[in-house]
């Protein structure tokens, strides 16, 4: 069963962590520290403590980094497999 913290993190990641749009162009933020700060601020605004987040996912920075890496890898694969 999802907690409020888990539901928030899942929603925030889905809406805030995206692959860069094109290699070499400015797309979604790729700065993990910036993304982590934004997530913490939004969680605080929603009444979700850092401890609740830690209890759900562990280290927030590492979690966001892993999600960003996965998004970038999926986008790279999508581009490589796209019809030319």
PDB file of N, CA and C in Angstrom:
ATOM      1  N   UNK A   1       0.840  -1.189   0.000  1.00  0.00           N
ATOM      2  CA  UNK A   1       0.000   0.000   0.000  1.00  0.00           C
ATOM      3  C   UNK A   1       0.880   1.245   0.000  1.00  0.00           C
ATOM      4  N   UNK A   2       0.576   2.181  -0.868  1.00  0.00           N
ATOM      5  CA  UNK A   2       1.381   3.383  -0.990  1.00  0.00           C
ATOM      6  C   UNK A   2       1.121   4.342   0.161  1.00  0.00           C
ATOM      7  N   UNK A   3       2.188   4.953   0.582  1.00  0.00           N
ATOM      8  CA  UNK A   3       2.048   6.008   1.569  1.00  0.00           C
ATOM      9  C   UNK A   3       1.900   7.330   0.823  1.00  0.00           C
ATOM     10  N   UNK A   4       1.564   8.382   1.571  1.00  0.00           N
ATOM     11  CA  UNK A   4       1.471   9.717   0.977  1.00  0.00           C
ATOM     12  C   UNK A   4       2.816  10.113   0.362  1.00  0.00           C
ATOM     13  N   UNK A   5       3.912   9.787   1.047  1.00  0.00           N
ATOM     14  CA  UNK A   5       5.245  10.125   0.532  1.00  0.00           C
ATOM     15  C   UNK A   5       5.517   9.391  -0.777  1.00  0.00           C
ATOM     16  N   UNK A   6       5.182   8.096  -0.842  1.00  0.00           N
ATOM     17  CA  UNK A   6       5.424   7.314  -2.058  1.00  0.00           C
ATOM     18  C   UNK A   6       4.593   7.848  -3.219  1.00  0.00           C
ATOM     19  N   UNK A   7       3.336   8.142  -2.952  1.00  0.00           N
ATOM     20  CA  UNK A   7       2.463   8.681  -3.999  1.00  0.00           C
ATOM     21  C   UNK A   7       3.005  10.019  -4.510  1.00  0.00           C
ATOM     22  N   UNK A   8       3.468  10.858  -3.591  1.00  0.00           N
ATOM     23  CA  UNK A   8       4.040  12.147  -3.991  1.00  0.00           C
ATOM     24  C   UNK A   8       5.278  11.940  -4.856  1.00  0.00           C
ATOM     25  N   UNK A   9       6.205  11.096  -4.396  1.00  0.00           N
ATOM     26  CA  UNK A   9       7.447  10.872  -5.140  1.00  0.00           C
ATOM     27  C   UNK A   9       7.156  10.325  -6.534  1.00  0.00           C
ATOM     28  N   UNK A  10       6.279   9.337  -6.627  1.00  0.00           N
ATOM     29  CA  UNK A  10       5.947   8.760  -7.935  1.00  0.00           C
ATOM     30  C   UNK A  10       5.381   9.825  -8.860  1.00  0.00           C
ATOM     31  N   UNK A  11       4.467  10.646  -8.349  1.00  0.00           N
ATOM     32  CA  UNK A  11       3.867  11.708  -9.150  1.00  0.00           C
ATOM     33  C   UNK A  11       4.921  12.743  -9.548  1.00  0.00           C
ATOM     34  N   UNK A  12       5.750  13.145  -8.601  1.00  0.00           N
ATOM     35  CA  UNK A  12       6.745  14.179  -8.870  1.00  0.00           C
ATOM     36  C   UNK A  12       7.748  13.687  -9.909  1.00  0.00           C
ATOM     37  N   UNK A  13       8.229  12.474  -9.767  1.00  0.00           N
ATOM     38  CA  UNK A  13       9.195  11.913 -10.717  1.00  0.00           C
ATOM     39  C   UNK A  13       8.585  11.876 -12.118  1.00  0.00           C
ATOM     40  N   UNK A  14       7.366  11.385 -12.223  1.00  0.00           N
ATOM     41  CA  UNK A  14       6.702  11.276 -13.523  1.00  0.00           C
ATOM     42  C   UNK A  14       6.569  12.635 -14.209  1.00  0.00           C
ATOM     43  N   UNK A  15       6.339  13.670 -13.427  1.00  0.00           N
ATOM     44  CA  UNK A  15       6.095  14.997 -13.991  1.00  0.00           C
ATOM     45  C   UNK A  15       7.314  15.907 -14.026  1.00  0.00           C
ATOM     46  N   UNK A  16       8.421  15.512 -13.413  1.00  0.00           N
ATOM     47  CA  UNK A  16       9.556  16.422 -13.291  1.00  0.00           C
ATOM     48  C   UNK A  16      10.883  15.882 -13.801  1.00  0.00           C
ATOM     49  N   UNK A  17      11.024  14.581 -13.940  1.00  0.00           N
ATOM     50  CA  UNK A  17      12.289  13.995 -14.367  1.00  0.00           C
ATOM     51  C   UNK A  17      12.110  13.459 -15.779  1.00  0.00           C
ATOM     52  N   UNK A  18      12.784  14.110 -16.716  1.00  0.00           N
ATOM     53  CA  UNK A  18      12.654  13.754 -18.129  1.00  0.00           C
ATOM     54  C   UNK A  18      14.024  13.749 -18.797  1.00  0.00           C
ATOM     55  N   UNK A  19      14.140  12.960 -19.825  1.00  0.00           N
ATOM     56  CA  UNK A  19      15.376  12.923 -20.604  1.00  0.00           C
ATOM     57  C   UNK A  19      15.567  14.243 -21.334  1.00  0.00           C
ATOM     58  N   UNK A  20      16.824  14.536 -21.643  1.00  0.00           N
ATOM     59  CA  UNK A  20      17.070  15.694 -22.491  1.00  0.00           C
ATOM     60  C   UNK A  20      16.469  15.377 -23.855  1.00  0.00           C
ATOM     61  N   UNK A  21      15.930  16.395 -24.503  1.00  0.00           N
ATOM     62  CA  UNK A  21      15.139  16.164 -25.716  1.00  0.00           C
ATOM     63  C   UNK A  21      15.975  15.710 -26.907  1.00  0.00           C
ATOM     64  N   UNK A  22      17.102  16.312 -27.106  1.00  0.00           N
ATOM     65  CA  UNK A  22      17.983  15.957 -28.202  1.00  0.00           C
ATOM     66  C   UNK A  22      19.411  16.002 -27.680  1.00  0.00           C
ATOM     67  N   UNK A  23      20.274  15.129 -28.160  1.00  0.00           N
ATOM     68  CA  UNK A  23      21.670  15.219 -27.726  1.00  0.00           C
ATOM     69  C   UNK A  23      22.227  16.604 -28.054  1.00  0.00           C
ATOM     70  N   UNK A  24      22.830  17.233 -27.078  1.00  0.00           N
ATOM     71  CA  UNK A  24      23.450  18.531 -27.306  1.00  0.00           C
ATOM     72  C   UNK A  24      22.521  19.719 -27.230  1.00  0.00           C
ATOM     73  N   UNK A  25      21.243  19.509 -26.984  1.00  0.00           N
ATOM     74  CA  UNK A  25      20.331  20.637 -26.875  1.00  0.00           C
ATOM     75  C   UNK A  25      19.809  20.742 -25.455  1.00  0.00           C
ATOM     76  N   UNK A  26      19.304  21.909 -25.129  1.00  0.00           N
ATOM     77  CA  UNK A  26      18.749  22.113 -23.802  1.00  0.00           C
ATOM     78  C   UNK A  26      17.359  21.506 -23.769  1.00  0.00           C
ATOM     79  N   UNK A  27      17.148  20.589 -22.849  1.00  0.00           N
ATOM     80  CA  UNK A  27      15.835  19.970 -22.689  1.00  0.00           C
ATOM     81  C   UNK A  27      15.419  20.092 -21.242  1.00  0.00           C
ATOM     82  N   UNK A  28      14.930  19.033 -20.681  1.00  0.00           N
ATOM     83  CA  UNK A  28      14.569  19.010 -19.270  1.00  0.00           C
ATOM     84  C   UNK A  28      15.840  19.185 -18.444  1.00  0.00           C
ATOM     85  N   UNK A  29      15.681  19.674 -17.233  1.00  0.00           N
ATOM     86  CA  UNK A  29      16.843  19.858 -16.370  1.00  0.00           C
ATOM     87  C   UNK A  29      17.561  18.531 -16.176  1.00  0.00           C
ATOM     88  N   UNK A  30      18.861  18.564 -16.303  1.00  0.00           N
ATOM     89  CA  UNK A  30      19.678  17.379 -16.072  1.00  0.00           C
ATOM     90  C   UNK A  30      20.516  17.554 -14.810  1.00  0.00           C
ATOM     91  N   UNK A  31      20.240  18.589 -14.036  1.00  0.00           N
ATOM     92  CA  UNK A  31      20.978  18.874 -12.817  1.00  0.00           C
ATOM     93  C   UNK A  31      20.304  18.167 -11.640  1.00  0.00           C
ATOM     94  N   UNK A  32      20.913  17.102 -11.169  1.00  0.00           N
ATOM     95  CA  UNK A  32      20.319  16.279 -10.120  1.00  0.00           C
ATOM     96  C   UNK A  32      20.124  17.081  -8.832  1.00  0.00           C
ATOM     97  N   UNK A  33      21.082  17.927  -8.495  1.00  0.00           N
ATOM     98  CA  UNK A  33      20.956  18.740  -7.283  1.00  0.00           C
ATOM     99  C   UNK A  33      19.771  19.700  -7.386  1.00  0.00           C
ATOM    100  N   UNK A  34      19.604  20.307  -8.544  1.00  0.00           N
ATOM    101  CA  UNK A  34      18.473  21.217  -8.770  1.00  0.00           C
ATOM    102  C   UNK A  34      17.148  20.461  -8.654  1.00  0.00           C
ATOM    103  N   UNK A  35      17.082  19.305  -9.268  1.00  0.00           N
ATOM    104  CA  UNK A  35      15.863  18.497  -9.201  1.00  0.00           C
ATOM    105  C   UNK A  35      15.572  18.063  -7.760  1.00  0.00           C
ATOM    106  N   UNK A  36      16.615  17.685  -7.030  1.00  0.00           N
ATOM    107  CA  UNK A  36      16.440  17.268  -5.637  1.00  0.00           C
ATOM    108  C   UNK A  36      15.907  18.419  -4.789  1.00  0.00           C
ATOM    109  N   UNK A  37      16.462  19.605  -4.986  1.00  0.00           N
ATOM    110  CA  UNK A  37      15.996  20.778  -4.239  1.00  0.00           C
ATOM    111  C   UNK A  37      14.543  21.068  -4.540  1.00  0.00           C
ATOM    112  N   UNK A  38      14.176  21.009  -5.817  1.00  0.00           N
ATOM    113  CA  UNK A  38      12.774  21.253  -6.202  1.00  0.00           C
ATOM    114  C   UNK A  38      11.840  20.239  -5.561  1.00  0.00           C
ATOM    115  N   UNK A  39      12.252  18.980  -5.567  1.00  0.00           N
ATOM    116  CA  UNK A  39      11.424  17.925  -4.996  1.00  0.00           C
ATOM    117  C   UNK A  39      11.244  18.141  -3.496  1.00  0.00           C
ATOM    118  N   UNK A  40      12.329  18.446  -2.811  1.00  0.00           N
ATOM    119  CA  UNK A  40      12.242  18.682  -1.363  1.00  0.00           C
ATOM    120  C   UNK A  40      11.317  19.855  -1.047  1.00  0.00           C
ATOM    121  N   UNK A  41      11.439  20.936  -1.836  1.00  0.00           N
ATOM    122  CA  UNK A  41      10.596  22.106  -1.604  1.00  0.00           C
ATOM    123  C   UNK A  41       9.119  21.779  -1.814  1.00  0.00           C
ATOM    124  N   UNK A  42       8.821  21.059  -2.869  1.00  0.00           N
ATOM    125  CA  UNK A  42       7.435  20.692  -3.153  1.00  0.00           C
ATOM    126  C   UNK A  42       6.897  19.736  -2.089  1.00  0.00           C
ATOM    127  N   UNK A  43       7.722  18.792  -1.656  1.00  0.00           N
ATOM    128  CA  UNK A  43       7.302  17.857  -0.611  1.00  0.00           C
ATOM    129  C   UNK A  43       6.980  18.627   0.674  1.00  0.00           C
ATOM    130  N   UNK A  44       7.842  19.557   1.029  1.00  0.00           N
ATOM    131  CA  UNK A  44       7.608  20.369   2.229  1.00  0.00           C
ATOM    132  C   UNK A  44       6.291  21.126   2.107  1.00  0.00           C
ATOM    133  N   UNK A  45       6.055  21.687   0.936  1.00  0.00           N
ATOM    134  CA  UNK A  45       4.810  22.414   0.673  1.00  0.00           C
ATOM    135  C   UNK A  45       3.590  21.496   0.840  1.00  0.00           C
ATOM    136  N   UNK A  46       3.768  20.219   0.502  1.00  0.00           N
ATOM    137  CA  UNK A  46       2.685  19.235   0.610  1.00  0.00           C
ATOM    138  C   UNK A  46       2.605  18.597   1.999  1.00  0.00           C
ATOM    139  N   UNK A  47       3.482  19.026   2.905  1.00  0.00           N
ATOM    140  CA  UNK A  47       3.464  18.486   4.263  1.00  0.00           C
ATOM    141  C   UNK A  47       4.121  17.127   4.409  1.00  0.00           C
ATOM    142  N   UNK A  48       5.040  16.817   3.494  1.00  0.00           N
ATOM    143  CA  UNK A  48       5.731  15.522   3.514  1.00  0.00           C
ATOM    144  C   UNK A  48       7.161  15.750   3.996  1.00  0.00           C
ATOM    145  N   UNK A  49       7.535  15.067   5.045  1.00  0.00           N
ATOM    146  CA  UNK A  49       8.861  15.262   5.642  1.00  0.00           C
ATOM    147  C   UNK A  49       9.938  14.524   4.843  1.00  0.00           C
ATOM    148  N   UNK A  50      11.169  15.021   5.012  1.00  0.00           N
ATOM    149  CA  UNK A  50      12.296  14.344   4.374  1.00  0.00           C
ATOM    150  C   UNK A  50      12.449  12.934   4.932  1.00  0.00           C
ATOM    151  N   UNK A  51      12.134  12.755   6.209  1.00  0.00           N
ATOM    152  CA  UNK A  51      12.230  11.423   6.810  1.00  0.00           C
ATOM    153  C   UNK A  51      11.240  10.456   6.157  1.00  0.00           C
ATOM    154  N   UNK A  52      10.046  10.935   5.867  1.00  0.00           N
ATOM    155  CA  UNK A  52       9.054  10.085   5.189  1.00  0.00           C
ATOM    156  C   UNK A  52       9.547   9.665   3.816  1.00  0.00           C
ATOM    157  N   UNK A  53      10.168  10.593   3.112  1.00  0.00           N
ATOM    158  CA  UNK A  53      10.718  10.277   1.792  1.00  0.00           C
ATOM    159  C   UNK A  53      11.848   9.264   1.937  1.00  0.00           C
ATOM    160  N   UNK A  54      12.747   9.502   2.880  1.00  0.00           N
ATOM    161  CA  UNK A  54      13.861   8.583   3.120  1.00  0.00           C
ATOM    162  C   UNK A  54      13.356   7.185   3.466  1.00  0.00           C
ATOM    163  N   UNK A  55      12.310   7.124   4.290  1.00  0.00           N
ATOM    164  CA  UNK A  55      11.749   5.821   4.661  1.00  0.00           C
ATOM    165  C   UNK A  55      11.200   5.075   3.452  1.00  0.00           C
ATOM    166  N   UNK A  56      10.686   5.798   2.483  1.00  0.00           N
ATOM    167  CA  UNK A  56      10.095   5.177   1.282  1.00  0.00           C
ATOM    168  C   UNK A  56      11.140   4.771   0.254  1.00  0.00           C
ATOM    169  N   UNK A  57      12.085   5.687  -0.048  1.00  0.00           N
ATOM    170  CA  UNK A  57      12.975   5.452  -1.194  1.00  0.00           C
ATOM    171  C   UNK A  57      14.456   5.499  -0.878  1.00  0.00           C
ATOM    172  N   UNK A  58      14.815   5.829   0.351  1.00  0.00           N
ATOM    173  CA  UNK A  58      16.232   5.973   0.679  1.00  0.00           C
ATOM    174  C   UNK A  58      16.712   7.373   0.332  1.00  0.00           C
ATOM    175  N   UNK A  59      17.904   7.464  -0.193  1.00  0.00           N
ATOM    176  CA  UNK A  59      18.517   8.748  -0.516  1.00  0.00           C
ATOM    177  C   UNK A  59      17.828   9.386  -1.729  1.00  0.00           C
ATOM    178  N   UNK A  60      17.249  10.558  -1.527  1.00  0.00           N
ATOM    179  CA  UNK A  60      16.484  11.217  -2.587  1.00  0.00           C
ATOM    180  C   UNK A  60      17.355  11.571  -3.788  1.00  0.00           C
ATOM    181  N   UNK A  61      18.539  12.095  -3.546  1.00  0.00           N
ATOM    182  CA  UNK A  61      19.429  12.471  -4.649  1.00  0.00           C
ATOM    183  C   UNK A  61      19.766  11.271  -5.511  1.00  0.00           C
ATOM    184  N   UNK A  62      20.122  10.161  -4.878  1.00  0.00           N
ATOM    185  CA  UNK A  62      20.457   8.950  -5.633  1.00  0.00           C
ATOM    186  C   UNK A  62      19.241   8.405  -6.379  1.00  0.00           C
ATOM    187  N   UNK A  63      18.084   8.490  -5.764  1.00  0.00           N
ATOM    188  CA  UNK A  63      16.860   8.018  -6.406  1.00  0.00           C
ATOM    189  C   UNK A  63      16.565   8.843  -7.659  1.00  0.00           C
ATOM    190  N   UNK A  64      16.656  10.162  -7.540  1.00  0.00           N
ATOM    191  CA  UNK A  64      16.412  11.025  -8.691  1.00  0.00           C
ATOM    192  C   UNK A  64      17.467  10.773  -9.767  1.00  0.00           C
ATOM    193  N   UNK A  65      18.725  10.614  -9.368  1.00  0.00           N
ATOM    194  CA  UNK A  65      19.790  10.333 -10.345  1.00  0.00           C
ATOM    195  C   UNK A  65      19.481   9.049 -11.109  1.00  0.00           C
ATOM    196  N   UNK A  66      19.038   8.019 -10.410  1.00  0.00           N
ATOM    197  CA  UNK A  66      18.743   6.746 -11.079  1.00  0.00           C
ATOM    198  C   UNK A  66      17.572   6.889 -12.045  1.00  0.00           C
ATOM    199  N   UNK A  67      16.554   7.657 -11.658  1.00  0.00           N
ATOM    200  CA  UNK A  67      15.404   7.873 -12.539  1.00  0.00           C
ATOM    201  C   UNK A  67      15.794   8.700 -13.757  1.00  0.00           C
ATOM    202  N   UNK A  68      16.660   9.696 -13.570  1.00  0.00           N
ATOM    203  CA  UNK A  68      17.124  10.520 -14.688  1.00  0.00           C
ATOM    204  C   UNK A  68      17.975   9.689 -15.639  1.00  0.00           C
ATOM    205  N   UNK A  69      18.868   8.873 -15.087  1.00  0.00           N
ATOM    206  CA  UNK A  69      19.692   7.996 -15.929  1.00  0.00           C
ATOM    207  C   UNK A  69      18.818   7.052 -16.751  1.00  0.00           C
ATOM    208  N   UNK A  70      17.791   6.487 -16.121  1.00  0.00           N
ATOM    209  CA  UNK A  70      16.887   5.571 -16.818  1.00  0.00           C
ATOM    210  C   UNK A  70      16.124   6.305 -17.924  1.00  0.00           C
ATOM    211  N   UNK A  71      15.675   7.525 -17.652  1.00  0.00           N
ATOM    212  CA  UNK A  71      14.953   8.305 -18.669  1.00  0.00           C
ATOM    213  C   UNK A  71      15.861   8.630 -19.845  1.00  0.00           C
ATOM    214  N   UNK A  72      17.108   9.008 -19.563  1.00  0.00           N
ATOM    215  CA  UNK A  72      18.045   9.318 -20.640  1.00  0.00           C
ATOM    216  C   UNK A  72      18.380   8.078 -21.458  1.00  0.00           C
ATOM    217  N   UNK A  73      18.532   6.942 -20.810  1.00  0.00           N
ATOM    218  CA  UNK A  73      18.829   5.698 -21.523  1.00  0.00           C
ATOM    219  C   UNK A  73      17.651   5.289 -22.410  1.00  0.00           C
ATOM    220  N   UNK A  74      16.450   5.391 -21.883  1.00  0.00           N
ATOM    221  CA  UNK A  74      15.265   5.048 -22.676  1.00  0.00           C
ATOM    222  C   UNK A  74      15.136   5.966 -23.886  1.00  0.00           C
ATOM    223  N   UNK A  75      15.421   7.249 -23.712  1.00  0.00           N
ATOM    224  CA  UNK A  75      15.340   8.190 -24.831  1.00  0.00           C
ATOM    225  C   UNK A  75      16.420   7.886 -25.867  1.00  0.00           C
ATOM    226  N   UNK A  76      17.611   7.555 -25.418  1.00  0.00           N
ATOM    227  CA  UNK A  76      18.698   7.208 -26.338  1.00  0.00           C
ATOM    228  C   UNK A  76      18.309   5.983 -27.160  1.00  0.00           C
ATOM    229  N   UNK A  77      17.749   4.969 -26.502  1.00  0.00           N
ATOM    230  CA  UNK A  77      17.314   3.757 -27.209  1.00  0.00           C
ATOM    231  C   UNK A  77      16.187   4.071 -28.177  1.00  0.00           C
ATOM    232  N   UNK A  78      15.249   4.935 -27.754  1.00  0.00           N
ATOM    233  CA  UNK A  78      14.144   5.317 -28.626  1.00  0.00           C
ATOM    234  C   UNK A  78      14.669   5.990 -29.893  1.00  0.00           C
ATOM    235  N   UNK A  79      15.628   6.886 -29.735  1.00  0.00           N
ATOM    236  CA  UNK A  79      16.197   7.595 -30.885  1.00  0.00           C
ATOM    237  C   UNK A  79      16.957   6.663 -31.806  1.00  0.00           C
ATOM    238  N   UNK A  80      17.667   5.699 -31.218  1.00  0.00           N
ATOM    239  CA  UNK A  80      18.429   4.746 -32.037  1.00  0.00           C
ATOM    240  C   UNK A  80      17.514   3.810 -32.816  1.00  0.00           C
ATOM    241  N   UNK A  81      16.336   3.525 -32.275  1.00  0.00           N
ATOM    242  CA  UNK A  81      15.409   2.596 -32.914  1.00  0.00           C
ATOM    243  C   UNK A  81      14.351   3.293 -33.768  1.00  0.00           C
ATOM    244  N   UNK A  82      14.365   4.619 -33.775  1.00  0.00           N
ATOM    245  CA  UNK A  82      13.372   5.361 -34.551  1.00  0.00           C
ATOM    246  C   UNK A  82      13.641   5.202 -36.040  1.00  0.00           C
ATOM    247  N   UNK A  83      12.571   5.098 -36.831  1.00  0.00           N
ATOM    248  CA  UNK A  83      12.757   5.024 -38.293  1.00  0.00           C
ATOM    249  C   UNK A  83      13.462   6.273 -38.794  1.00  0.00           C
ATOM    250  N   UNK A  84      14.302   6.089 -39.731  1.00  0.00           N
ATOM    251  CA  UNK A  84      15.072   7.227 -40.260  1.00  0.00           C
ATOM    252  C   UNK A  84      14.574   7.637 -41.600  1.00  0.00           C
TER     253      UNK A  84
END
